C-alpha atoms as a PDB file:
ATOM      1  CA  GLU A   1     115.233  49.168 114.916  1.00  0.00           C
ATOM      2  CA  LEU A   2     112.744  51.237 112.933  1.00  0.00           C
ATOM      3  CA  ILE A   3     109.122  50.846 111.943  1.00  0.00           C
ATOM      4  CA  ARG A   4     107.509  52.472 108.940  1.00  0.00           C
ATOM      5  CA  GLN A   5     104.773  55.024 109.693  1.00  0.00           C
ATOM      6  CA  GLU A   6     101.813  56.330 107.732  1.00  0.00           C
ATOM      7  CA  LEU A   7      99.345  59.100 108.465  1.00  0.00           C
ATOM      8  CA  GLY A   8      96.163  57.991 110.208  1.00  0.00           C
ATOM      9  CA  ASP A   9      92.708  59.460 109.932  1.00  0.00           C
ATOM     10  CA  PRO A  10      92.209  63.122 110.837  1.00  0.00           C
ATOM     11  CA  ASP A  11      91.233  63.847 114.446  1.00  0.00           C
ATOM     12  CA  GLU A  12      88.556  66.365 115.492  1.00  0.00           C
ATOM     13  CA  LYS A  13      90.934  69.239 114.616  1.00  0.00           C
ATOM     14  CA  GLY A  14      91.790  67.767 111.212  1.00  0.00           C
ATOM     15  CA  ARG A  15      95.286  66.661 112.222  1.00  0.00           C
ATOM     16  CA  ARG A  16      96.563  63.300 111.062  1.00  0.00           C
ATOM     17  CA  LYS A  17      98.875  61.452 113.441  1.00  0.00           C
ATOM     18  CA  PRO A  18     101.501  58.887 112.446  1.00  0.00           C
ATOM     19  CA  VAL A  19     100.413  55.275 112.786  1.00  0.00           C
ATOM     20  CA  ALA A  20     102.822  52.317 112.746  1.00  0.00           C
ATOM     21  CA  VAL A  21     102.571  50.051 109.706  1.00  0.00           C
ATOM     22  CA  LYS A  22     102.203  46.474 110.950  1.00  0.00           C
ATOM     23  CA  ASP A  23     105.163  44.149 110.230  1.00  0.00           C
ATOM     24  CA  SER A  24     107.231  46.927 108.613  1.00  0.00           C
ATOM     25  CA  ASN A  25     110.140  46.824 111.104  1.00  0.00           C
ATOM     26  CA  TRP A  26     113.691  46.935 109.823  1.00  0.00           C
ATOM     27  CA  VAL A  27     117.143  47.441 111.275  1.00  0.00           C
ATOM     28  CA  LEU A  28     119.311  50.325 110.116  1.00  0.00           C
ATOM     29  CA  ASP A  29     123.014  49.568 110.521  1.00  0.00           C
ATOM     30  CA  VAL A  30     124.698  52.706 111.912  1.00  0.00           C
ATOM     31  CA  ASP A  31     127.789  53.542 113.937  1.00  0.00           C
ATOM     32  CA  THR A  32     126.255  56.347 116.007  1.00  0.00           C
ATOM     33  CA  VAL A  33     122.814  57.849 116.509  1.00  0.00           C
ATOM     34  CA  ILE A  34     122.382  61.346 117.891  1.00  0.00           C
ATOM     35  CA  ILE A  35     118.900  61.939 119.202  1.00  0.00           C
ATOM     36  CA  ALA A  36     117.571  65.260 117.936  1.00  0.00           C
ATOM     37  CA  ILE A  37     115.255  66.361 120.719  1.00  0.00           C
ATOM     38  CA  GLY A  38     115.443  69.866 122.127  1.00  0.00           C
ATOM     39  CA  THR A  39     116.807  73.171 120.940  1.00  0.00           C
ATOM     40  CA  SER A  40     120.554  72.651 121.287  1.00  0.00           C
ATOM     41  CA  PRO A  41     123.048  69.844 120.718  1.00  0.00           C
ATOM     42  CA  ASN A  42     123.472  67.209 123.376  1.00  0.00           C
ATOM     43  CA  PRO A  43     126.499  68.299 125.473  1.00  0.00           C
ATOM     44  CA  LEU A  44     127.914  64.772 125.208  1.00  0.00           C
ATOM     45  CA  ILE A  45     128.634  65.365 121.514  1.00  0.00           C
ATOM     46  CA  ARG A  46     131.327  67.918 122.365  1.00  0.00           C
ATOM     47  CA  ASN A  47     133.057  65.442 124.687  1.00  0.00           C
ATOM     48  CA  THR A  48     132.778  62.353 122.513  1.00  0.00           C
ATOM     49  CA  THR A  49     133.224  63.522 118.910  1.00  0.00           C
ATOM     50  CA  GLN A  50     136.785  64.487 118.056  1.00  0.00           C
ATOM     51  CA  GLY A  51     137.363  66.808 115.113  1.00  0.00           C
ATOM     52  CA  LEU A  52     133.978  68.495 115.403  1.00  0.00           C
ATOM     53  CA  ASP A  53     134.030  72.284 115.785  1.00  0.00           C
ATOM     54  CA  PHE A  54     131.467  74.238 117.808  1.00  0.00           C
ATOM     55  CA  THR A  55     130.275  77.844 117.786  1.00  0.00           C
ATOM     56  CA  LYS A  56     130.736  80.218 120.728  1.00  0.00           C
ATOM     57  CA  LYS A  57     127.095  79.566 121.678  1.00  0.00           C
ATOM     58  CA  GLY A  58     127.677  75.792 121.744  1.00  0.00           C
ATOM     59  CA  GLY A  59     126.091  74.887 118.426  1.00  0.00           C
ATOM     60  CA  ILE A  60     127.757  72.540 115.978  1.00  0.00           C
ATOM     61  CA  GLN A  61     129.696  74.495 113.337  1.00  0.00           C
ATOM     62  CA  ALA A  62     128.276  73.609 109.911  1.00  0.00           C
ATOM     63  CA  ASP A  63     127.969  75.336 106.557  1.00  0.00           C
ATOM     64  CA  ASP A  64     124.701  75.976 104.668  1.00  0.00           C
ATOM     65  CA  PHE A  65     124.835  72.410 103.356  1.00  0.00           C
ATOM     66  CA  GLY A  66     125.173  70.769 106.793  1.00  0.00           C
ATOM     67  CA  VAL A  67     128.852  69.934 106.296  1.00  0.00           C
ATOM     68  CA  THR A  68     130.822  70.002 109.558  1.00  0.00           C
ATOM     69  CA  SER A  69     134.552  70.076 110.259  1.00  0.00           C
ATOM     70  CA  ARG A  70     134.602  66.289 110.609  1.00  0.00           C
ATOM     71  CA  PRO A  71     134.355  64.331 107.339  1.00  0.00           C
ATOM     72  CA  GLY A  72     131.181  62.259 107.155  1.00  0.00           C
ATOM     73  CA  VAL A  73     129.439  64.165 109.947  1.00  0.00           C
ATOM     74  CA  PHE A  74     126.563  66.463 109.010  1.00  0.00           C
ATOM     75  CA  ALA A  75     124.426  68.722 111.197  1.00  0.00           C
ATOM     76  CA  GLY A  76     121.483  71.064 110.867  1.00  0.00           C
ATOM     77  CA  GLY A  77     118.498  72.539 112.623  1.00  0.00           C
ATOM     78  CA  ASP A  78     118.613  73.600 116.251  1.00  0.00           C
ATOM     79  CA  ALA A  79     121.899  71.746 116.831  1.00  0.00           C
ATOM     80  CA  VAL A  80     123.518  74.305 114.521  1.00  0.00           C
ATOM     81  CA  THR A  81     121.395  77.450 114.801  1.00  0.00           C
ATOM     82  CA  GLY A  82     119.984  77.128 118.283  1.00  0.00           C
ATOM     83  CA  SER A  83     116.252  77.451 118.799  1.00  0.00           C
ATOM     84  CA  ALA A  84     114.588  78.354 115.489  1.00  0.00           C
ATOM     85  CA  THR A  85     111.538  77.499 113.397  1.00  0.00           C
ATOM     86  CA  VAL A  86     110.511  74.083 112.148  1.00  0.00           C
ATOM     87  CA  ILE A  87     110.652  75.449 108.601  1.00  0.00           C
ATOM     88  CA  LEU A  88     114.340  76.332 108.989  1.00  0.00           C
ATOM     89  CA  ALA A  89     115.055  72.910 110.465  1.00  0.00           C
ATOM     90  CA  MET A  90     113.255  71.225 107.562  1.00  0.00           C
ATOM     91  CA  GLY A  91     115.304  73.237 105.077  1.00  0.00           C
ATOM     92  CA  ALA A  92     118.506  72.275 106.880  1.00  0.00           C
ATOM     93  CA  GLY A  93     117.416  68.643 106.786  1.00  0.00           C
ATOM     94  CA  LYS A  94     116.845  68.746 103.031  1.00  0.00           C
ATOM     95  CA  ALA A  95     120.185  70.467 102.405  1.00  0.00           C
ATOM     96  CA  GLY A  96     121.923  67.992 104.698  1.00  0.00           C
ATOM     97  CA  ALA A  97     120.288  65.038 102.961  1.00  0.00           C
ATOM     98  CA  ARG A  98     121.619  66.239  99.594  1.00  0.00           C
ATOM     99  CA  SER A  99     125.103  66.639 101.107  1.00  0.00           C
ATOM    100  CA  ILE A 100     124.979  63.198 102.697  1.00  0.00           C
ATOM    101  CA  ASP A 101     123.862  61.670  99.390  1.00  0.00           C
ATOM    102  CA  SER A 102     126.742  63.367  97.548  1.00  0.00           C
ATOM    103  CA  TYR A 103     129.195  62.282 100.232  1.00  0.00           C
ATOM    104  CA  ILE A 104     128.107  58.637 100.089  1.00  0.00           C
ATOM    105  CA  LYS A 105     128.152  58.584  96.285  1.00  0.00           C
ATOM    106  CA  SER A 106     131.684  60.014  96.272  1.00  0.00           C
ATOM    107  CA  LYS A 107     132.850  57.091  98.429  1.00  0.00           C
ATOM    108  CA  ASN A 108     131.587  54.408  96.018  1.00  0.00           C
END
């Protein structure tokens, strides 16, 4: 279950924090969710996801577009590169989103 967020008022340092939008909950129907917290892939992924290749350092093997060895599975950010910058992770997310969009459209 998800809830839409919006940026709140700036704090004393000028930062705006996300604030939940009241009554904006919705359910996203998915088969699997991989929590992206940390600087490396969850070790359970290797043991539970057949057909997914990994690098020697334990990262998920993916191309520059987030495409992995398993059809329909995309990866980016620290799960692929290891610890890196937020900017690189954001770029990987955008590239992955385009790949996911293309993949879904090709299935329709």
